């Protein structure tokens, strides 16, 4: 029997509806949630992503602003801009789009953002709160979105074996931190696998919940998946396809056609986790705005 689809598009739409409702409530109190994205350079993919964030803000009734700087911008100038945004009470969320030009030290930039405005959840202060189970901080948007998808799909996570493919600071590590905590949509026994893991399939076949975020197109096959497992595909990979209109197609880290015949629930690519990232960014920004007035 084919797996049930975990529809990230529909779930993200519901999150954004809640964001719009909360934004309207804050506006009634005289506060308009504001998100400022900073883009340094002319990377086409980053420009598209920043533009989509700005549009999403406006659709939710929030204030969305994009600041574009030339690739030659000195690091000191970028840090000065962040200082100004930190001091601006109308800005509740700040994100600096990665990657940055090589002459700019990304960790220094991330650390310069005020933790209370770090809606990407990458500041060491927020990372520390996440790993210690302190819910006052901000979790990175993609793993937070995965957790919401599991909840909305009715997945019982308590006591389950969760295996995460990938150990990045953006997805793998914070995903593990979220699932291992005590509480709702958590309480998992977590294993993180990576490029040095031996006999990878022996780990993935144990998983009740398998989260693939390793950046390798269609690497996870049916033979690697426990029958009835829940599979979340975080991967977004471009593969050449002369038959496609653009000459390529987007696939995940999971071989969907195969794995969907083994899993009980599965998220597709596209149409899965990708939409959740922006939705959770908006949710974090609204929360930052509420916290700014003591809510």
C-alpha atoms as a PDB file:
ATOM      1  CA  UNK A   1       0.000   0.000   0.000  1.00  0.00           C
ATOM      2  CA  UNK A   2       1.475   3.411  -0.982  1.00  0.00           C
ATOM      3  CA  UNK A   3       2.623   5.673   1.815  1.00  0.00           C
ATOM      4  CA  UNK A   4       0.477   8.558   2.984  1.00  0.00           C
ATOM      5  CA  UNK A   5       1.877  11.862   1.747  1.00  0.00           C
ATOM      6  CA  UNK A   6       2.895  14.443   4.333  1.00  0.00           C
ATOM      7  CA  UNK A   7       1.850  17.545   2.418  1.00  0.00           C
ATOM      8  CA  UNK A   8       4.294  20.323   3.283  1.00  0.00           C
ATOM      9  CA  UNK A   9       2.466  22.798   1.073  1.00  0.00           C
ATOM     10  CA  UNK A  10      -0.807  22.393   2.968  1.00  0.00           C
ATOM     11  CA  UNK A  11       0.874  22.357   6.388  1.00  0.00           C
ATOM     12  CA  UNK A  12       2.909  25.472   5.564  1.00  0.00           C
ATOM     13  CA  UNK A  13      -0.276  27.210   4.442  1.00  0.00           C
ATOM     14  CA  UNK A  14      -1.879  26.473   7.813  1.00  0.00           C
ATOM     15  CA  UNK A  15       1.189  27.805   9.647  1.00  0.00           C
ATOM     16  CA  UNK A  16       1.055  30.972   7.561  1.00  0.00           C
ATOM     17  CA  UNK A  17      -2.643  31.392   8.323  1.00  0.00           C
ATOM     18  CA  UNK A  18      -1.822  31.274  12.024  1.00  0.00           C
ATOM     19  CA  UNK A  19       0.977  33.779  11.436  1.00  0.00           C
ATOM     20  CA  UNK A  20      -1.446  36.152   9.694  1.00  0.00           C
ATOM     21  CA  UNK A  21      -3.922  35.816  12.581  1.00  0.00           C
ATOM     22  CA  UNK A  22      -1.216  36.521  15.175  1.00  0.00           C
ATOM     23  CA  UNK A  23       0.093  39.438  13.106  1.00  0.00           C
ATOM     24  CA  UNK A  24      -3.363  41.008  13.031  1.00  0.00           C
ATOM     25  CA  UNK A  25      -3.609  40.638  16.817  1.00  0.00           C
ATOM     26  CA  UNK A  26      -0.243  42.342  17.292  1.00  0.00           C
ATOM     27  CA  UNK A  27      -1.196  45.132  14.902  1.00  0.00           C
ATOM     28  CA  UNK A  28      -4.241  45.776  17.055  1.00  0.00           C
ATOM     29  CA  UNK A  29      -1.776  46.451  19.870  1.00  0.00           C
ATOM     30  CA  UNK A  30       0.197  48.843  17.671  1.00  0.00           C
ATOM     31  CA  UNK A  31       3.004  46.438  16.740  1.00  0.00           C
ATOM     32  CA  UNK A  32       3.687  45.297  13.173  1.00  0.00           C
ATOM     33  CA  UNK A  33       6.097  42.326  13.079  1.00  0.00           C
ATOM     34  CA  UNK A  34       9.086  43.259  10.941  1.00  0.00           C
ATOM     35  CA  UNK A  35      11.643  41.020   9.236  1.00  0.00           C
ATOM     36  CA  UNK A  36      14.736  42.373   7.497  1.00  0.00           C
ATOM     37  CA  UNK A  37      16.778  40.148   5.196  1.00  0.00           C
ATOM     38  CA  UNK A  38      20.287  41.173   4.163  1.00  0.00           C
ATOM     39  CA  UNK A  39      21.757  39.851   0.932  1.00  0.00           C
ATOM     40  CA  UNK A  40      25.431  40.450   0.154  1.00  0.00           C
ATOM     41  CA  UNK A  41      26.353  39.783  -3.466  1.00  0.00           C
ATOM     42  CA  UNK A  42      24.387  38.631  -6.489  1.00  0.00           C
ATOM     43  CA  UNK A  43      23.905  34.899  -5.995  1.00  0.00           C
ATOM     44  CA  UNK A  44      20.763  34.163  -8.095  1.00  0.00           C
ATOM     45  CA  UNK A  45      19.379  31.444  -5.815  1.00  0.00           C
ATOM     46  CA  UNK A  46      19.848  33.618  -2.729  1.00  0.00           C
ATOM     47  CA  UNK A  47      18.177  36.558  -4.453  1.00  0.00           C
ATOM     48  CA  UNK A  48      15.134  34.438  -5.313  1.00  0.00           C
ATOM     49  CA  UNK A  49      14.940  33.105  -1.767  1.00  0.00           C
ATOM     50  CA  UNK A  50      15.189  36.558  -0.176  1.00  0.00           C
ATOM     51  CA  UNK A  51      12.524  37.858  -2.551  1.00  0.00           C
ATOM     52  CA  UNK A  52      10.182  35.025  -1.599  1.00  0.00           C
ATOM     53  CA  UNK A  53      10.658  35.820   2.094  1.00  0.00           C
ATOM     54  CA  UNK A  54       9.775  39.463   1.504  1.00  0.00           C
ATOM     55  CA  UNK A  55       6.611  38.506  -0.402  1.00  0.00           C
ATOM     56  CA  UNK A  56       5.612  36.008   2.280  1.00  0.00           C
ATOM     57  CA  UNK A  57       5.917  38.708   4.948  1.00  0.00           C
ATOM     58  CA  UNK A  58       3.670  41.074   3.057  1.00  0.00           C
ATOM     59  CA  UNK A  59       1.079  38.357   2.409  1.00  0.00           C
ATOM     60  CA  UNK A  60       0.909  37.744   6.171  1.00  0.00           C
ATOM     61  CA  UNK A  61       0.477  41.460   6.900  1.00  0.00           C
ATOM     62  CA  UNK A  62       3.990  41.795   8.280  1.00  0.00           C
ATOM     63  CA  UNK A  63       6.633  44.312   7.306  1.00  0.00           C
ATOM     64  CA  UNK A  64       9.224  42.632   5.095  1.00  0.00           C
ATOM     65  CA  UNK A  65      12.349  44.420   3.928  1.00  0.00           C
ATOM     66  CA  UNK A  66      15.319  43.264   1.872  1.00  0.00           C
ATOM     67  CA  UNK A  67      18.641  45.085   1.945  1.00  0.00           C
ATOM     68  CA  UNK A  68      20.958  44.220  -0.926  1.00  0.00           C
ATOM     69  CA  UNK A  69      24.648  45.005  -0.682  1.00  0.00           C
ATOM     70  CA  UNK A  70      27.394  44.564  -3.302  1.00  0.00           C
ATOM     71  CA  UNK A  71      29.683  41.538  -3.015  1.00  0.00           C
ATOM     72  CA  UNK A  72      32.577  43.895  -2.301  1.00  0.00           C
ATOM     73  CA  UNK A  73      30.976  45.178   0.919  1.00  0.00           C
ATOM     74  CA  UNK A  74      33.593  45.157   3.731  1.00  0.00           C
ATOM     75  CA  UNK A  75      32.812  43.025   6.754  1.00  0.00           C
ATOM     76  CA  UNK A  76      32.954  46.064   9.033  1.00  0.00           C
ATOM     77  CA  UNK A  77      30.217  47.719   6.973  1.00  0.00           C
ATOM     78  CA  UNK A  78      27.969  44.668   7.215  1.00  0.00           C
ATOM     79  CA  UNK A  79      28.499  44.478  10.966  1.00  0.00           C
ATOM     80  CA  UNK A  80      27.626  48.170  11.294  1.00  0.00           C
ATOM     81  CA  UNK A  81      24.382  47.538   9.391  1.00  0.00           C
ATOM     82  CA  UNK A  82      23.508  44.689  11.745  1.00  0.00           C
ATOM     83  CA  UNK A  83      24.157  46.984  14.714  1.00  0.00           C
ATOM     84  CA  UNK A  84      21.675  49.494  13.270  1.00  0.00           C
ATOM     85  CA  UNK A  85      19.051  46.794  12.737  1.00  0.00           C
ATOM     86  CA  UNK A  86      19.613  45.490  16.265  1.00  0.00           C
ATOM     87  CA  UNK A  87      18.839  48.968  17.580  1.00  0.00           C
ATOM     88  CA  UNK A  88      15.746  49.495  15.397  1.00  0.00           C
ATOM     89  CA  UNK A  89      12.572  48.711  17.404  1.00  0.00           C
ATOM     90  CA  UNK A  90      10.592  48.217  14.166  1.00  0.00           C
ATOM     91  CA  UNK A  91      12.822  45.275  13.204  1.00  0.00           C
ATOM     92  CA  UNK A  92      11.955  42.129  15.134  1.00  0.00           C
ATOM     93  CA  UNK A  93      13.774  39.593  12.984  1.00  0.00           C
ATOM     94  CA  UNK A  94      17.110  39.797  11.191  1.00  0.00           C
ATOM     95  CA  UNK A  95      18.540  37.250   8.807  1.00  0.00           C
ATOM     96  CA  UNK A  96      21.697  37.503   6.766  1.00  0.00           C
ATOM     97  CA  UNK A  97      21.439  35.278   3.730  1.00  0.00           C
ATOM     98  CA  UNK A  98      24.166  32.682   3.399  1.00  0.00           C
ATOM     99  CA  UNK A  99      26.584  32.047   1.822  1.00  0.00           C
ATOM    100  CA  UNK A 100      28.509  35.283   2.277  1.00  0.00           C
ATOM    101  CA  UNK A 101      31.478  36.383   0.153  1.00  0.00           C
ATOM    102  CA  UNK A 102      34.719  34.706   1.208  1.00  0.00           C
ATOM    103  CA  UNK A 103      36.219  37.859   2.715  1.00  0.00           C
ATOM    104  CA  UNK A 104      33.425  38.007   5.327  1.00  0.00           C
ATOM    105  CA  UNK A 105      33.569  35.723   8.364  1.00  0.00           C
ATOM    106  CA  UNK A 106      30.110  34.148   8.627  1.00  0.00           C
ATOM    107  CA  UNK A 107      30.357  33.150  12.330  1.00  0.00           C
ATOM    108  CA  UNK A 108      31.249  36.735  13.268  1.00  0.00           C
ATOM    109  CA  UNK A 109      28.194  37.984  11.388  1.00  0.00           C
ATOM    110  CA  UNK A 110      25.877  35.441  13.029  1.00  0.00           C
ATOM    111  CA  UNK A 111      27.207  36.315  16.485  1.00  0.00           C
ATOM    112  CA  UNK A 112      26.606  40.027  15.829  1.00  0.00           C
ATOM    113  CA  UNK A 113      22.843  39.572  15.421  1.00  0.00           C
ATOM    114  CA  UNK A 114      20.999  40.168  18.686  1.00  0.00           C
ATOM    115  CA  UNK A 115      19.775  36.762  19.963  1.00  0.00           C
ATOM    116  CA  UNK A 116      16.282  38.207  20.439  1.00  0.00           C
ATOM    117  CA  UNK A 117      16.187  39.023  16.695  1.00  0.00           C
ATOM    118  CA  UNK A 118      17.963  35.882  15.491  1.00  0.00           C
ATOM    119  CA  UNK A 119      14.875  34.316  13.885  1.00  0.00           C
ATOM    120  CA  UNK A 120      17.078  31.922  11.893  1.00  0.00           C
ATOM    121  CA  UNK A 121      18.128  30.351  15.211  1.00  0.00           C
ATOM    122  CA  UNK A 122      21.850  30.237  14.425  1.00  0.00           C
ATOM    123  CA  UNK A 123      23.284  32.486  17.145  1.00  0.00           C
ATOM    124  CA  UNK A 124      25.286  30.456  19.719  1.00  0.00           C
ATOM    125  CA  UNK A 125      22.972  31.790  22.426  1.00  0.00           C
ATOM    126  CA  UNK A 126      19.918  30.269  20.719  1.00  0.00           C
ATOM    127  CA  UNK A 127      21.809  27.100  19.830  1.00  0.00           C
ATOM    128  CA  UNK A 128      22.700  26.665  23.501  1.00  0.00           C
ATOM    129  CA  UNK A 129      19.085  27.165  24.555  1.00  0.00           C
ATOM    130  CA  UNK A 130      17.944  24.590  22.016  1.00  0.00           C
ATOM    131  CA  UNK A 131      20.385  21.928  23.177  1.00  0.00           C
ATOM    132  CA  UNK A 132      19.624  22.482  26.858  1.00  0.00           C
ATOM    133  CA  UNK A 133      15.873  22.334  26.298  1.00  0.00           C
ATOM    134  CA  UNK A 134      15.237  26.008  27.060  1.00  0.00           C
ATOM    135  CA  UNK A 135      12.184  26.941  24.981  1.00  0.00           C
ATOM    136  CA  UNK A 136      12.790  30.703  25.245  1.00  0.00           C
ATOM    137  CA  UNK A 137      15.122  30.744  22.222  1.00  0.00           C
ATOM    138  CA  UNK A 138      14.568  30.287  18.501  1.00  0.00           C
ATOM    139  CA  UNK A 139      15.059  26.948  16.761  1.00  0.00           C
ATOM    140  CA  UNK A 140      16.405  26.859  13.180  1.00  0.00           C
ATOM    141  CA  UNK A 141      13.502  27.018  10.760  1.00  0.00           C
ATOM    142  CA  UNK A 142      13.964  23.829   8.743  1.00  0.00           C
ATOM    143  CA  UNK A 143      14.176  21.347  11.654  1.00  0.00           C
ATOM    144  CA  UNK A 144      11.433  23.246  13.480  1.00  0.00           C
ATOM    145  CA  UNK A 145       9.329  22.871  10.340  1.00  0.00           C
ATOM    146  CA  UNK A 146      10.008  19.135  10.228  1.00  0.00           C
ATOM    147  CA  UNK A 147       8.800  18.834  13.814  1.00  0.00           C
ATOM    148  CA  UNK A 148       5.581  20.672  12.923  1.00  0.00           C
ATOM    149  CA  UNK A 149       5.103  18.363   9.926  1.00  0.00           C
ATOM    150  CA  UNK A 150       5.395  15.305  12.159  1.00  0.00           C
ATOM    151  CA  UNK A 151       2.860  16.787  14.570  1.00  0.00           C
ATOM    152  CA  UNK A 152       0.399  17.771  11.848  1.00  0.00           C
ATOM    153  CA  UNK A 153       0.710  14.326  10.247  1.00  0.00           C
ATOM    154  CA  UNK A 154      -0.246  12.702  13.536  1.00  0.00           C
ATOM    155  CA  UNK A 155       3.066  10.894  14.014  1.00  0.00           C
ATOM    156  CA  UNK A 156       3.542   9.501  17.511  1.00  0.00           C
ATOM    157  CA  UNK A 157       7.201  10.183  18.275  1.00  0.00           C
ATOM    158  CA  UNK A 158       7.375   9.160  21.936  1.00  0.00           C
ATOM    159  CA  UNK A 159       9.920   6.392  22.449  1.00  0.00           C
ATOM    160  CA  UNK A 160      10.501   5.991  18.728  1.00  0.00           C
ATOM    161  CA  UNK A 161      13.853   5.422  17.031  1.00  0.00           C
ATOM    162  CA  UNK A 162      14.698   8.497  14.958  1.00  0.00           C
ATOM    163  CA  UNK A 163      17.637   8.340  12.549  1.00  0.00           C
ATOM    164  CA  UNK A 164      18.913  11.561  10.996  1.00  0.00           C
ATOM    165  CA  UNK A 165      21.124  11.501   7.926  1.00  0.00           C
ATOM    166  CA  UNK A 166      23.355  14.576   8.090  1.00  0.00           C
ATOM    167  CA  UNK A 167      25.141  16.444  10.867  1.00  0.00           C
ATOM    168  CA  UNK A 168      24.960  20.043   9.668  1.00  0.00           C
ATOM    169  CA  UNK A 169      24.437  22.932  12.068  1.00  0.00           C
ATOM    170  CA  UNK A 170      21.451  23.987   9.956  1.00  0.00           C
ATOM    171  CA  UNK A 171      19.444  20.750   9.986  1.00  0.00           C
ATOM    172  CA  UNK A 172      21.034  17.593  11.392  1.00  0.00           C
ATOM    173  CA  UNK A 173      22.271  18.695  14.810  1.00  0.00           C
ATOM    174  CA  UNK A 174      19.302  20.941  15.716  1.00  0.00           C
ATOM    175  CA  UNK A 175      16.892  18.277  14.430  1.00  0.00           C
ATOM    176  CA  UNK A 176      18.424  15.807  16.858  1.00  0.00           C
ATOM    177  CA  UNK A 177      18.213  18.356  19.672  1.00  0.00           C
ATOM    178  CA  UNK A 178      14.501  18.923  19.033  1.00  0.00           C
ATOM    179  CA  UNK A 179      13.583  15.242  18.864  1.00  0.00           C
ATOM    180  CA  UNK A 180      15.559  14.165  21.922  1.00  0.00           C
ATOM    181  CA  UNK A 181      13.929  16.699  24.253  1.00  0.00           C
ATOM    182  CA  UNK A 182      11.115  15.829  26.595  1.00  0.00           C
ATOM    183  CA  UNK A 183       7.710  16.915  25.366  1.00  0.00           C
ATOM    184  CA  UNK A 184       5.334  17.048  22.447  1.00  0.00           C
ATOM    185  CA  UNK A 185       6.526  15.591  19.129  1.00  0.00           C
ATOM    186  CA  UNK A 186       9.805  14.594  20.771  1.00  0.00           C
ATOM    187  CA  UNK A 187      10.975  11.970  23.309  1.00  0.00           C
ATOM    188  CA  UNK A 188      12.793  10.045  20.573  1.00  0.00           C
ATOM    189  CA  UNK A 189      15.899   7.921  20.777  1.00  0.00           C
ATOM    190  CA  UNK A 190      18.084   9.671  18.226  1.00  0.00           C
ATOM    191  CA  UNK A 191      20.934   8.496  16.016  1.00  0.00           C
ATOM    192  CA  UNK A 192      22.841  10.903  13.761  1.00  0.00           C
ATOM    193  CA  UNK A 193      24.536   9.378  10.719  1.00  0.00           C
ATOM    194  CA  UNK A 194      27.048  11.105   8.456  1.00  0.00           C
ATOM    195  CA  UNK A 195      29.692  10.537   5.778  1.00  0.00           C
ATOM    196  CA  UNK A 196      31.911   8.505   8.121  1.00  0.00           C
ATOM    197  CA  UNK A 197      29.146   6.255   9.441  1.00  0.00           C
ATOM    198  CA  UNK A 198      29.898   2.588   8.823  1.00  0.00           C
ATOM    199  CA  UNK A 199      27.177   0.293   7.439  1.00  0.00           C
ATOM    200  CA  UNK A 200      24.711   3.138   7.048  1.00  0.00           C
ATOM    201  CA  UNK A 201      21.812   0.884   6.075  1.00  0.00           C
ATOM    202  CA  UNK A 202      22.034  -1.007   9.378  1.00  0.00           C
ATOM    203  CA  UNK A 203      21.194   2.260  11.129  1.00  0.00           C
ATOM    204  CA  UNK A 204      18.497   3.493   8.739  1.00  0.00           C
ATOM    205  CA  UNK A 205      16.651   0.153   8.834  1.00  0.00           C
ATOM    206  CA  UNK A 206      16.183   0.606  12.605  1.00  0.00           C
ATOM    207  CA  UNK A 207      14.443   3.922  12.177  1.00  0.00           C
ATOM    208  CA  UNK A 208      10.783   4.399  12.986  1.00  0.00           C
ATOM    209  CA  UNK A 209      11.346   7.986  11.807  1.00  0.00           C
ATOM    210  CA  UNK A 210      13.973   8.576   9.130  1.00  0.00           C
ATOM    211  CA  UNK A 211      14.986  12.165   8.306  1.00  0.00           C
ATOM    212  CA  UNK A 212      17.246  12.554   5.283  1.00  0.00           C
ATOM    213  CA  UNK A 213      19.272  15.781   5.155  1.00  0.00           C
ATOM    214  CA  UNK A 214      22.552  14.654   3.656  1.00  0.00           C
ATOM    215  CA  UNK A 215      22.523  16.440   0.277  1.00  0.00           C
ATOM    216  CA  UNK A 216      22.939  13.394  -1.969  1.00  0.00           C
ATOM    217  CA  UNK A 217      20.294  12.923  -4.682  1.00  0.00           C
ATOM    218  CA  UNK A 218      18.041   9.894  -4.134  1.00  0.00           C
ATOM    219  CA  UNK A 219      20.590   8.194  -1.905  1.00  0.00           C
ATOM    220  CA  UNK A 220      18.012   6.536   0.357  1.00  0.00           C
ATOM    221  CA  UNK A 221      16.534   3.461  -1.331  1.00  0.00           C
ATOM    222  CA  UNK A 222      13.753   1.100  -0.297  1.00  0.00           C
ATOM    223  CA  UNK A 223      16.254  -1.452   1.005  1.00  0.00           C
ATOM    224  CA  UNK A 224      17.460   1.108   3.560  1.00  0.00           C
ATOM    225  CA  UNK A 225      14.015   1.757   5.054  1.00  0.00           C
ATOM    226  CA  UNK A 226      12.148  -0.183   7.726  1.00  0.00           C
ATOM    227  CA  UNK A 227       8.660  -1.177   6.530  1.00  0.00           C
ATOM    228  CA  UNK A 228       6.118   1.237   7.982  1.00  0.00           C
ATOM    229  CA  UNK A 229       8.656   3.937   8.826  1.00  0.00           C
ATOM    230  CA  UNK A 230       7.890   7.644   8.569  1.00  0.00           C
ATOM    231  CA  UNK A 231      10.297   9.275   6.097  1.00  0.00           C
ATOM    232  CA  UNK A 232      10.971  13.009   5.936  1.00  0.00           C
ATOM    233  CA  UNK A 233      13.064  14.155   2.975  1.00  0.00           C
ATOM    234  CA  UNK A 234      14.839  17.459   3.612  1.00  0.00           C
ATOM    235  CA  UNK A 235      17.083  17.221   0.543  1.00  0.00           C
ATOM    236  CA  UNK A 236      16.764  19.605  -2.396  1.00  0.00           C
ATOM    237  CA  UNK A 237      19.024  18.530  -5.253  1.00  0.00           C
ATOM    238  CA  UNK A 238      19.157  19.590  -8.878  1.00  0.00           C
ATOM    239  CA  UNK A 239      19.810  16.742 -11.317  1.00  0.00           C
ATOM    240  CA  UNK A 240      20.223  16.994 -15.082  1.00  0.00           C
ATOM    241  CA  UNK A 241      17.181  15.919 -17.080  1.00  0.00           C
ATOM    242  CA  UNK A 242      17.153  16.795 -20.816  1.00  0.00           C
ATOM    243  CA  UNK A 243      13.457  15.904 -20.986  1.00  0.00           C
ATOM    244  CA  UNK A 244      12.520  18.540 -18.405  1.00  0.00           C
ATOM    245  CA  UNK A 245      11.561  22.057 -19.586  1.00  0.00           C
ATOM    246  CA  UNK A 246      14.516  23.629 -17.750  1.00  0.00           C
ATOM    247  CA  UNK A 247      16.926  20.789 -18.486  1.00  0.00           C
ATOM    248  CA  UNK A 248      16.915  19.654 -14.870  1.00  0.00           C
ATOM    249  CA  UNK A 249      14.565  18.455 -12.145  1.00  0.00           C
ATOM    250  CA  UNK A 250      14.521  18.777  -8.377  1.00  0.00           C
ATOM    251  CA  UNK A 251      14.785  15.607  -6.299  1.00  0.00           C
ATOM    252  CA  UNK A 252      15.299  14.854  -2.643  1.00  0.00           C
ATOM    253  CA  UNK A 253      17.727  12.635  -0.799  1.00  0.00           C
ATOM    254  CA  UNK A 254      15.172   9.813  -0.928  1.00  0.00           C
ATOM    255  CA  UNK A 255      14.301   7.676  -3.949  1.00  0.00           C
ATOM    256  CA  UNK A 256      10.642   8.563  -3.647  1.00  0.00           C
ATOM    257  CA  UNK A 257       9.048   6.016  -6.013  1.00  0.00           C
ATOM    258  CA  UNK A 258      10.739   3.118  -4.217  1.00  0.00           C
ATOM    259  CA  UNK A 259      10.538   4.308  -0.636  1.00  0.00           C
ATOM    260  CA  UNK A 260       6.888   5.393  -0.866  1.00  0.00           C
ATOM    261  CA  UNK A 261       6.010   1.709  -1.345  1.00  0.00           C
ATOM    262  CA  UNK A 262       7.704   0.777   1.933  1.00  0.00           C
ATOM    263  CA  UNK A 263       7.098   3.730   4.263  1.00  0.00           C
ATOM    264  CA  UNK A 264       3.821   4.457   6.061  1.00  0.00           C
ATOM    265  CA  UNK A 265       4.156   8.231   5.614  1.00  0.00           C
ATOM    266  CA  UNK A 266       6.548  10.236   3.445  1.00  0.00           C
ATOM    267  CA  UNK A 267       7.184  13.871   2.499  1.00  0.00           C
ATOM    268  CA  UNK A 268       7.714  14.578  -1.205  1.00  0.00           C
ATOM    269  CA  UNK A 269      10.273  16.811  -2.938  1.00  0.00           C
ATOM    270  CA  UNK A 270       9.192  19.316  -4.043  1.00  0.00           C
ATOM    271  CA  UNK A 271       6.086  19.952  -1.970  1.00  0.00           C
ATOM    272  CA  UNK A 272       7.465  18.880   1.390  1.00  0.00           C
ATOM    273  CA  UNK A 273       9.899  20.478   3.807  1.00  0.00           C
ATOM    274  CA  UNK A 274      10.905  23.377   1.532  1.00  0.00           C
ATOM    275  CA  UNK A 275       7.703  25.347   2.086  1.00  0.00           C
ATOM    276  CA  UNK A 276       7.984  24.911   5.835  1.00  0.00           C
ATOM    277  CA  UNK A 277      11.248  26.805   6.171  1.00  0.00           C
ATOM    278  CA  UNK A 278       9.785  30.183   5.206  1.00  0.00           C
ATOM    279  CA  UNK A 279       6.598  29.491   7.171  1.00  0.00           C
ATOM    280  CA  UNK A 280       8.613  28.863  10.334  1.00  0.00           C
ATOM    281  CA  UNK A 281      10.728  31.961   9.684  1.00  0.00           C
ATOM    282  CA  UNK A 282       7.530  34.027   9.705  1.00  0.00           C
ATOM    283  CA  UNK A 283       6.341  32.272  12.853  1.00  0.00           C
ATOM    284  CA  UNK A 284       9.647  33.005  14.606  1.00  0.00           C
ATOM    285  CA  UNK A 285       9.428  36.671  13.587  1.00  0.00           C
ATOM    286  CA  UNK A 286       5.908  37.035  14.958  1.00  0.00           C
ATOM    287  CA  UNK A 287       7.064  35.401  18.186  1.00  0.00           C
ATOM    288  CA  UNK A 288      10.009  37.801  18.371  1.00  0.00           C
ATOM    289  CA  UNK A 289       7.618  40.720  17.955  1.00  0.00           C
ATOM    290  CA  UNK A 290       5.398  39.390  20.740  1.00  0.00           C
ATOM    291  CA  UNK A 291       8.388  38.911  23.049  1.00  0.00           C
ATOM    292  CA  UNK A 292       9.520  42.481  22.331  1.00  0.00           C
ATOM    293  CA  UNK A 293       6.441  43.768  24.127  1.00  0.00           C
ATOM    294  CA  UNK A 294       6.656  41.225  26.916  1.00  0.00           C
ATOM    295  CA  UNK A 295       4.142  38.802  25.408  1.00  0.00           C
END
